[in-house]
Amino acid sequence: MNKRMLMIAEIAIMSALGVILGFIKLGGPWAFGGSVSLEMVPIFLMAFRRGLAGGVLTGLMIGILQLIINPFIVHPVQLVLDYPLAFLLVGLAGIVTPNSRDSYRKRIWLIILGTFIGSLFRLISHVISGVIFFASAAPEGTPVWIYSITYNSTYIIPTFILTVILLVLLSKTAPKLVHGE
């Protein structure tokens, strides 16, 4: 199988896995969407295995599939910000590619850095959506930016932490899965 076909197959498999992991959620107080889940793990796996293109394409696919399966839509622009764009941005982790030949310590730091980059950009997309489309939900007297950052951070930060833990464990126990070599 050539490299391109292998990457397409991996994107399809990881996208399906991301959707499945998205169904397993830790409940929370989020009235307007958001949850703690491991749906970003396959995006990070592809970003670390196949670089920026693999991560971005997997993120885009998961965002589109999440939009089809379980949407929360108030406006077409919010739809783009909270689904395809938010998950596509997770794939930016592909600018960091830990290698199985790197020391374990370096791999951990690169995994943390890449996961932070992807999570941060997803957070930014959701915060912008929150500021524009969910400003009326902010408590009176609370600046809408502060409200949106706080609201979205309450699920992105725990998701980031769980994802890093899982990816670090996978890097130690199954380095070929994470690093693709």
Protein backbone atom coordinates (compact mmCIF):
# COMPACT_ATOMS: atom_id res chain seq x y z
CA MET A 1 0.00 0.00 0.00
CA ASN A 2 1.45 3.37 -0.90
CA LYS A 3 1.98 6.08 1.71
CA ARG A 4 -0.93 8.22 0.56
CA MET A 5 -3.44 5.36 0.73
CA LEU A 6 -2.08 4.34 4.13
CA MET A 7 -2.55 7.88 5.44
CA ILE A 8 -6.11 8.05 4.07
CA ALA A 9 -6.91 4.73 5.74
CA GLU A 10 -5.40 5.92 9.04
CA ILE A 11 -7.37 9.18 8.88
CA ALA A 12 -10.59 7.23 8.34
CA ILE A 13 -9.87 4.83 11.21
CA MET A 14 -8.77 7.59 13.58
CA SER A 15 -11.79 9.73 12.65
CA ALA A 16 -14.12 6.85 13.49
CA LEU A 17 -12.24 6.29 16.75
CA GLY A 18 -12.55 10.00 17.58
CA VAL A 19 -16.31 9.88 17.10
CA ILE A 20 -16.59 6.75 19.27
CA LEU A 21 -14.46 8.33 22.00
CA GLY A 22 -16.65 11.45 21.74
CA PHE A 23 -19.63 9.37 22.89
CA ILE A 24 -17.81 8.57 26.16
CA LYS A 25 -18.13 11.81 28.09
CA LEU A 26 -17.67 12.95 31.63
CA GLY A 27 -20.74 14.96 32.50
CA GLY A 28 -20.48 18.50 33.65
CA PRO A 29 -22.28 21.80 34.11
CA TRP A 30 -22.02 22.91 30.48
CA ALA A 31 -25.37 24.25 29.32
CA PHE A 32 -24.16 25.27 25.85
CA GLY A 33 -22.03 22.32 24.84
CA GLY A 34 -18.60 21.04 25.76
CA SER A 35 -17.59 17.91 27.59
CA VAL A 36 -14.54 16.12 28.91
CA SER A 37 -13.74 13.22 26.60
CA LEU A 38 -10.86 11.62 24.75
CA GLU A 39 -12.09 12.52 21.26
CA MET A 40 -8.95 14.58 20.57
CA VAL A 41 -6.60 11.63 21.17
CA PRO A 42 -6.87 10.27 17.60
CA ILE A 43 -6.21 13.74 16.20
CA PHE A 44 -3.04 14.01 18.26
CA LEU A 45 -2.01 10.49 17.29
CA MET A 46 -2.31 11.39 13.61
CA ALA A 47 -0.58 14.73 14.13
CA PHE A 48 2.36 13.04 15.85
CA ARG A 49 2.42 10.08 13.40
CA ARG A 50 1.85 11.91 10.11
CA GLY A 51 2.59 15.56 10.84
CA LEU A 52 0.51 18.63 10.19
CA ALA A 53 -1.48 17.26 7.21
CA GLY A 54 -2.46 14.08 9.05
CA GLY A 55 -3.50 15.97 12.17
CA VAL A 56 -5.42 18.73 10.40
CA LEU A 57 -7.29 16.33 8.09
CA THR A 58 -8.20 14.00 10.96
CA GLY A 59 -9.36 16.97 13.03
CA LEU A 60 -11.46 18.27 10.16
CA MET A 61 -13.08 14.85 9.66
CA ILE A 62 -13.86 14.46 13.37
CA GLY A 63 -15.29 17.98 13.50
CA ILE A 64 -17.55 17.30 10.52
CA LEU A 65 -18.65 13.93 11.92
CA GLN A 66 -19.37 15.50 15.34
CA LEU A 67 -21.42 18.16 13.58
CA ILE A 68 -23.46 15.52 11.76
CA ILE A 69 -23.96 13.24 14.77
CA ASN A 70 -24.45 15.57 17.74
CA PRO A 71 -24.73 19.23 16.75
CA PHE A 72 -25.54 22.25 18.91
CA ILE A 73 -26.12 25.02 16.39
CA VAL A 74 -27.26 28.60 16.91
CA HIS A 75 -25.72 30.21 13.81
CA PRO A 76 -23.81 29.04 10.70
CA VAL A 77 -20.61 30.83 11.77
CA GLN A 78 -20.84 29.27 15.26
CA LEU A 79 -21.25 25.89 13.56
CA VAL A 80 -17.94 26.41 11.75
CA LEU A 81 -16.12 27.74 14.84
CA ASP A 82 -17.29 24.97 17.18
CA TYR A 83 -17.03 21.95 14.90
CA PRO A 84 -14.84 21.74 11.77
CA LEU A 85 -12.53 24.65 12.64
CA ALA A 86 -12.11 23.82 16.34
CA PHE A 87 -11.14 20.22 15.66
CA LEU A 88 -9.06 21.09 12.59
CA LEU A 89 -7.05 23.43 14.81
CA VAL A 90 -6.28 20.53 17.19
CA GLY A 91 -4.33 19.06 14.27
CA LEU A 92 -1.87 21.97 14.49
CA ALA A 93 -0.14 19.76 17.05
CA GLY A 94 1.47 18.24 13.96
CA ILE A 95 4.02 21.05 13.92
CA VAL A 96 5.58 19.08 16.79
CA THR A 97 6.50 15.50 15.92
CA PRO A 98 8.00 13.45 18.73
CA ASN A 99 10.15 10.62 17.41
CA SER A 100 10.55 7.18 19.00
CA ARG A 101 14.32 7.64 18.65
CA ASP A 102 14.15 10.71 20.91
CA SER A 103 14.83 10.22 24.59
CA TYR A 104 11.72 9.42 26.64
CA ARG A 105 12.01 12.78 28.40
CA LYS A 106 12.15 14.68 25.09
CA ARG A 107 9.16 12.68 23.75
CA ILE A 108 7.14 13.60 26.85
CA TRP A 109 7.92 17.29 26.46
CA LEU A 110 7.10 17.23 22.75
CA ILE A 111 3.82 15.40 23.44
CA ILE A 112 2.92 17.95 26.11
CA LEU A 113 3.86 20.84 23.81
CA GLY A 114 1.96 19.48 20.82
CA THR A 115 -1.09 18.66 22.91
CA PHE A 116 -0.97 22.12 24.46
CA ILE A 117 -0.79 23.77 21.01
CA GLY A 118 -3.76 21.79 19.68
CA SER A 119 -5.82 22.28 22.83
CA LEU A 120 -5.04 26.00 22.97
CA PHE A 121 -6.13 26.60 19.39
CA ARG A 122 -9.32 24.59 19.93
CA LEU A 123 -9.97 26.69 23.04
CA ILE A 124 -9.45 29.91 21.07
CA SER A 125 -11.98 28.82 18.45
CA HIS A 126 -14.57 27.97 21.11
CA VAL A 127 -13.89 31.21 23.02
CA ILE A 128 -14.45 33.30 19.89
CA SER A 129 -17.70 31.42 19.28
CA GLY A 130 -18.73 32.02 22.88
CA VAL A 131 -17.99 35.72 22.73
CA ILE A 132 -19.94 36.20 19.53
CA PHE A 133 -22.86 33.83 19.96
CA PHE A 134 -23.27 33.10 23.67
CA ALA A 135 -22.61 36.53 25.19
CA SER A 136 -26.17 36.71 26.55
CA ALA A 137 -25.36 33.75 28.83
CA ALA A 138 -22.66 35.68 30.70
CA PRO A 139 -23.72 36.67 34.21
CA GLU A 140 -24.51 40.35 34.55
CA GLY A 141 -21.36 42.37 35.19
CA THR A 142 -19.04 39.63 33.88
CA PRO A 143 -17.05 40.59 30.80
CA VAL A 144 -18.04 38.27 27.97
CA TRP A 145 -14.40 37.35 27.20
CA ILE A 146 -13.83 36.28 30.79
CA TYR A 147 -17.07 34.28 30.77
CA SER A 148 -16.22 32.52 27.50
CA ILE A 149 -12.63 31.73 28.50
CA THR A 150 -13.79 30.39 31.88
CA TYR A 151 -16.67 28.37 30.45
CA ASN A 152 -14.62 26.74 27.71
CA SER A 153 -11.55 26.20 29.91
CA THR A 154 -13.59 24.12 32.35
CA TYR A 155 -13.72 21.28 29.83
CA ILE A 156 -10.70 21.94 27.59
CA ILE A 157 -8.17 21.95 30.46
CA PRO A 158 -9.32 18.61 31.96
CA THR A 159 -9.48 17.15 28.44
CA PHE A 160 -5.92 18.37 27.81
CA ILE A 161 -4.68 16.76 31.04
CA LEU A 162 -6.39 13.41 30.37
CA THR A 163 -5.14 13.43 26.78
CA VAL A 164 -1.54 14.14 27.78
CA ILE A 165 -1.61 11.34 30.35
CA LEU A 166 -2.94 8.86 27.80
CA LEU A 167 -0.53 9.93 25.06
CA VAL A 168 2.48 9.75 27.39
CA LEU A 169 1.44 6.26 28.50
CA LEU A 170 0.97 5.20 24.87
CA SER A 171 4.37 6.65 23.96
CA LYS A 172 5.95 4.47 26.64
CA THR A 173 3.96 1.26 26.00
CA ALA A 174 3.20 1.51 22.26
CA PRO A 175 5.63 4.01 20.72
CA LYS A 176 4.86 2.91 17.14
CA LEU A 177 1.22 3.87 17.65
CA VAL A 178 2.14 7.40 18.70
CA HIS A 179 5.19 7.95 16.52
CA GLY A 180 4.33 5.87 13.46
CA GLU A 181 7.76 4.42 12.82
